[in-house]
């Protein structure tokens, strides 16, 4: 079985060292891993990963959503192309990342990350945005944050695009799991935005990992040593939980 994983750093590998939950899961079950997850991915970028997974004919897709404070911006002189799928997204933060997703970083048109990382600009070690974004970017970002950005509006956008990506997965007849913890609880606040849940809870319960079922910060030991942020022991625990959920879905489809 070809298992695709889509998400941000929490779903990624750590230099392909075999310790991430996805690598453990595939080793135990003799599955092929296609890990599209990248550090700093916005939900828009994660949706491109999902479309890429569909295009690569994945047999099962795990979707790990992210915070609505992740944003994407165009690269100067580049034009977004729908047909490029994940290749639209620059792979800027390359340290401790997985080799599989890097092969799609061809002639990118956009870059995505947490707003705070963009704000660091030239000071963000490992993500040197000053090399790929115009000199005026930092000043433009200040006006964007002060005058144009609203987290709840962005969360509404993100809920809709994630919901529609799940529809495309279902239409492709690919079984999947979606982890909504980071989309609705937030990286820092852990305060669920329950009013937005109605736009995504149409997804069947056996596909949906609700934040009451699993939450990264609540259920895993966070140490930030690895790119995926949690301990190796937690990776095994996470892999066991996901394995059980996958088998429940596959049994449901029989």
Protein backbone atom coordinates (compact mmCIF):
# COMPACT_ATOMS: atom_id res chain seq x y z
CA UNK A 1 0.00 0.00 0.00
CA UNK A 2 1.22 3.49 -0.87
CA UNK A 3 0.63 5.67 2.18
CA UNK A 4 0.66 9.43 1.54
CA UNK A 5 1.12 11.89 4.41
CA UNK A 6 0.20 15.56 3.92
CA UNK A 7 0.83 18.30 6.46
CA UNK A 8 3.40 20.60 8.01
CA UNK A 9 6.43 19.85 10.21
CA UNK A 10 4.29 17.88 12.68
CA UNK A 11 3.69 15.28 9.96
CA UNK A 12 7.14 15.41 8.37
CA UNK A 13 10.24 13.29 8.80
CA UNK A 14 13.58 14.25 10.33
CA UNK A 15 16.21 13.82 7.60
CA UNK A 16 14.56 10.49 6.75
CA UNK A 17 16.07 9.00 9.92
CA UNK A 18 13.26 6.48 10.32
CA UNK A 19 11.88 7.89 13.58
CA UNK A 20 8.78 9.77 12.39
CA UNK A 21 5.37 8.20 12.94
CA UNK A 22 4.91 7.71 9.18
CA UNK A 23 8.21 5.90 8.75
CA UNK A 24 7.52 3.68 11.77
CA UNK A 25 4.02 2.95 10.49
CA UNK A 26 5.23 1.96 7.03
CA UNK A 27 8.14 -0.12 8.32
CA UNK A 28 5.85 -2.12 10.61
CA UNK A 29 3.29 -2.74 7.87
CA UNK A 30 5.62 -3.01 4.87
CA UNK A 31 3.93 -0.05 3.19
CA UNK A 32 5.48 2.46 0.80
CA UNK A 33 5.71 5.95 2.31
CA UNK A 34 5.06 9.07 0.27
CA UNK A 35 5.56 11.92 2.73
CA UNK A 36 4.59 15.23 1.14
CA UNK A 37 4.60 17.12 4.47
CA UNK A 38 6.86 20.17 4.72
CA UNK A 39 7.78 22.48 7.59
CA UNK A 40 5.93 25.79 7.38
CA UNK A 41 3.15 24.52 5.12
CA UNK A 42 -0.05 26.54 5.15
CA UNK A 43 -3.38 24.79 4.71
CA UNK A 44 -3.32 25.98 1.09
CA UNK A 45 0.05 24.25 0.61
CA UNK A 46 -1.31 21.14 2.37
CA UNK A 47 -4.21 21.08 -0.10
CA UNK A 48 -1.66 21.10 -2.93
CA UNK A 49 0.03 18.15 -1.21
CA UNK A 50 -3.33 16.35 -1.16
CA UNK A 51 -3.86 16.99 -4.87
CA UNK A 52 -0.31 15.72 -5.50
CA UNK A 53 -1.05 12.56 -3.47
CA UNK A 54 -4.17 11.96 -5.56
CA UNK A 55 -2.13 12.51 -8.72
CA UNK A 56 0.53 10.05 -7.49
CA UNK A 57 -2.23 7.44 -6.98
CA UNK A 58 -1.86 7.03 -3.23
CA UNK A 59 -3.74 4.10 -1.72
CA UNK A 60 -4.37 5.90 1.58
CA UNK A 61 -3.90 9.55 2.60
CA UNK A 62 -3.28 10.98 6.07
CA UNK A 63 -4.02 14.71 6.25
CA UNK A 64 -2.68 16.74 9.16
CA UNK A 65 -4.04 20.28 9.12
CA UNK A 66 -2.23 23.36 10.41
CA UNK A 67 -2.93 26.73 12.00
CA UNK A 68 -4.70 29.48 10.08
CA UNK A 69 -1.77 31.76 10.98
CA UNK A 70 0.11 30.05 8.17
CA UNK A 71 0.01 32.10 4.98
CA UNK A 72 1.35 31.92 1.44
CA UNK A 73 2.77 34.65 -0.78
CA UNK A 74 3.72 34.77 -4.47
CA UNK A 75 7.36 34.78 -5.51
CA UNK A 76 8.34 37.85 -7.48
CA UNK A 77 8.11 37.34 -11.23
CA UNK A 78 6.40 33.95 -10.87
CA UNK A 79 2.85 33.03 -11.83
CA UNK A 80 0.90 30.36 -9.95
CA UNK A 81 -0.07 27.39 -12.12
CA UNK A 82 -2.82 24.98 -11.04
CA UNK A 83 -1.28 22.15 -13.08
CA UNK A 84 2.02 22.34 -11.17
CA UNK A 85 0.32 21.11 -7.98
CA UNK A 86 2.88 20.87 -5.14
CA UNK A 87 5.69 22.09 -7.40
CA UNK A 88 4.22 25.57 -6.94
CA UNK A 89 5.52 25.66 -3.36
CA UNK A 90 9.13 26.65 -2.63
CA UNK A 91 11.02 24.29 -0.34
CA UNK A 92 12.87 27.02 1.57
CA UNK A 93 13.29 25.51 5.05
CA UNK A 94 15.42 22.57 3.96
CA UNK A 95 17.10 21.55 7.22
CA UNK A 96 15.89 18.26 8.73
CA UNK A 97 13.30 17.73 6.03
CA UNK A 98 12.31 14.70 4.01
CA UNK A 99 13.83 13.92 0.65
CA UNK A 100 10.58 12.73 -0.96
CA UNK A 101 8.82 16.10 -0.91
CA UNK A 102 11.93 17.95 -2.10
CA UNK A 103 11.69 16.38 -5.55
CA UNK A 104 8.56 18.45 -6.18
CA UNK A 105 10.35 21.75 -5.49
CA UNK A 106 10.80 22.60 -9.17
CA UNK A 107 10.51 26.22 -10.34
CA UNK A 108 8.17 27.25 -7.48
CA UNK A 109 5.73 30.15 -7.68
CA UNK A 110 4.76 30.66 -4.00
CA UNK A 111 6.18 30.29 -0.51
CA UNK A 112 4.25 29.42 2.66
CA UNK A 113 5.10 29.66 6.36
CA UNK A 114 3.98 30.97 9.73
CA UNK A 115 3.53 34.74 9.76
CA UNK A 116 6.11 35.03 12.53
CA UNK A 117 8.77 33.30 10.41
CA UNK A 118 8.15 35.65 7.51
CA UNK A 119 8.44 38.56 9.91
CA UNK A 120 11.97 37.45 10.87
CA UNK A 121 12.90 37.65 7.19
CA UNK A 122 16.74 37.67 6.94
CA UNK A 123 17.13 36.61 10.60
CA UNK A 124 15.28 33.31 10.20
CA UNK A 125 18.14 30.82 10.08
CA UNK A 126 17.43 28.01 7.61
CA UNK A 127 14.58 29.92 5.94
CA UNK A 128 16.32 32.79 4.21
CA UNK A 129 13.35 34.59 2.72
CA UNK A 130 15.39 37.68 1.90
CA UNK A 131 17.01 35.62 -0.88
CA UNK A 132 13.75 34.86 -2.71
CA UNK A 133 11.39 37.69 -1.76
CA UNK A 134 11.65 41.37 -2.79
CA UNK A 135 13.31 43.95 -0.51
CA UNK A 136 9.93 45.61 0.02
CA UNK A 137 8.37 42.42 1.41
CA UNK A 138 8.94 43.08 5.11
CA UNK A 139 7.33 46.53 4.90
CA UNK A 140 4.44 45.10 2.88
CA UNK A 141 3.95 42.36 5.47
CA UNK A 142 3.62 44.96 8.21
CA UNK A 143 0.76 46.67 6.36
CA UNK A 144 -0.83 43.30 5.56
CA UNK A 145 -0.87 42.28 9.24
CA UNK A 146 -2.05 45.65 10.51
CA UNK A 147 -4.69 46.39 7.88
CA UNK A 148 -5.70 43.24 6.01
CA UNK A 149 -5.19 40.04 8.01
CA UNK A 150 -7.98 38.64 10.18
CA UNK A 151 -7.42 35.23 11.74
CA UNK A 152 -11.09 34.22 11.81
CA UNK A 153 -11.60 35.12 8.14
CA UNK A 154 -8.46 33.14 7.32
CA UNK A 155 -9.75 30.22 9.39
CA UNK A 156 -12.98 30.28 7.40
CA UNK A 157 -11.02 30.17 4.13
CA UNK A 158 -8.85 27.33 5.44
CA UNK A 159 -11.84 25.33 6.66
CA UNK A 160 -13.46 25.59 3.24
CA UNK A 161 -10.35 24.56 1.27
CA UNK A 162 -9.56 21.64 3.58
CA UNK A 163 -13.19 20.52 3.38
CA UNK A 164 -13.13 20.66 -0.41
CA UNK A 165 -9.83 18.75 -0.55
CA UNK A 166 -11.49 15.96 1.43
CA UNK A 167 -14.30 15.97 -1.13
CA UNK A 168 -11.73 15.48 -3.91
CA UNK A 169 -10.15 12.59 -2.01
CA UNK A 170 -13.55 10.94 -1.57
CA UNK A 171 -14.38 11.48 -5.25
CA UNK A 172 -11.07 9.78 -6.07
CA UNK A 173 -12.18 6.79 -3.98
CA UNK A 174 -9.09 6.98 -1.76
CA UNK A 175 -9.53 6.14 1.94
CA UNK A 176 -8.16 8.81 4.27
CA UNK A 177 -7.80 10.20 7.77
CA UNK A 178 -7.82 13.89 8.62
CA UNK A 179 -6.40 15.31 11.86
CA UNK A 180 -8.13 18.63 12.62
CA UNK A 181 -6.37 19.44 15.91
CA UNK A 182 -4.05 22.20 14.68
CA UNK A 183 -6.64 23.84 12.45
CA UNK A 184 -9.14 24.37 15.25
CA UNK A 185 -7.13 24.53 18.45
CA UNK A 186 -4.20 26.67 17.30
CA UNK A 187 -0.47 26.28 17.90
CA UNK A 188 -0.33 28.65 20.87
CA UNK A 189 -3.83 29.13 22.25
CA UNK A 190 -5.20 25.56 22.29
CA UNK A 191 -8.65 27.20 22.25
CA UNK A 192 -10.92 25.44 19.73
CA UNK A 193 -12.86 27.57 17.27
CA UNK A 194 -15.94 25.39 17.47
CA UNK A 195 -18.19 27.66 15.40
CA UNK A 196 -16.27 26.65 12.26
CA UNK A 197 -16.60 22.91 12.80
CA UNK A 198 -19.94 22.69 10.99
CA UNK A 199 -18.13 23.20 7.69
CA UNK A 200 -16.04 20.07 8.12
CA UNK A 201 -18.01 17.68 10.30
CA UNK A 202 -19.86 16.34 7.24
CA UNK A 203 -16.79 14.10 6.94
CA UNK A 204 -17.65 10.62 8.31
CA UNK A 205 -16.53 10.01 11.90
CA UNK A 206 -14.27 7.12 10.92
CA UNK A 207 -12.28 9.48 8.64
CA UNK A 208 -12.20 12.39 11.08
CA UNK A 209 -9.70 12.57 13.95
CA UNK A 210 -11.35 15.18 16.15
CA UNK A 211 -9.21 17.15 18.61
CA UNK A 212 -11.10 15.41 21.41
CA UNK A 213 -9.73 12.13 20.03
CA UNK A 214 -6.18 13.28 19.42
CA UNK A 215 -4.23 16.51 19.93
CA UNK A 216 -0.49 16.86 19.37
CA UNK A 217 0.27 18.97 22.45
CA UNK A 218 -2.04 17.01 24.73
CA UNK A 219 -1.26 13.45 23.69
CA UNK A 220 2.42 13.55 22.69
CA UNK A 221 5.59 14.49 24.57
CA UNK A 222 6.80 17.69 22.91
CA UNK A 223 10.57 18.20 22.99
CA UNK A 224 11.30 20.01 19.66
CA UNK A 225 14.49 18.00 19.16
CA UNK A 226 13.29 16.51 15.89
CA UNK A 227 11.71 18.40 13.01
CA UNK A 228 8.34 16.82 13.88
CA UNK A 229 8.57 18.32 17.42
CA UNK A 230 7.74 15.30 19.60
CA UNK A 231 9.83 12.53 21.18
CA UNK A 232 10.73 9.28 19.46
CA UNK A 233 8.67 7.39 22.05
CA UNK A 234 5.69 9.54 21.09
CA UNK A 235 6.32 8.72 17.41
CA UNK A 236 5.74 5.05 18.19
CA UNK A 237 2.65 5.88 20.23
CA UNK A 238 1.32 8.07 17.42
CA UNK A 239 2.03 5.37 14.81
CA UNK A 240 0.12 2.78 16.88
CA UNK A 241 -2.89 5.09 17.14
CA UNK A 242 -2.92 5.90 13.41
CA UNK A 243 -2.42 2.22 12.54
CA UNK A 244 -5.55 1.32 14.50
CA UNK A 245 -7.55 4.08 12.82
CA UNK A 246 -6.35 3.02 9.35
CA UNK A 247 -7.30 -0.60 9.95
CA UNK A 248 -10.76 0.49 11.15
CA UNK A 249 -11.28 2.38 7.90
CA UNK A 250 -10.02 -0.44 5.72
CA UNK A 251 -12.28 -2.88 7.60
CA UNK A 252 -15.20 -0.47 7.10
CA UNK A 253 -14.62 -0.52 3.32
CA UNK A 254 -14.74 -4.31 3.07
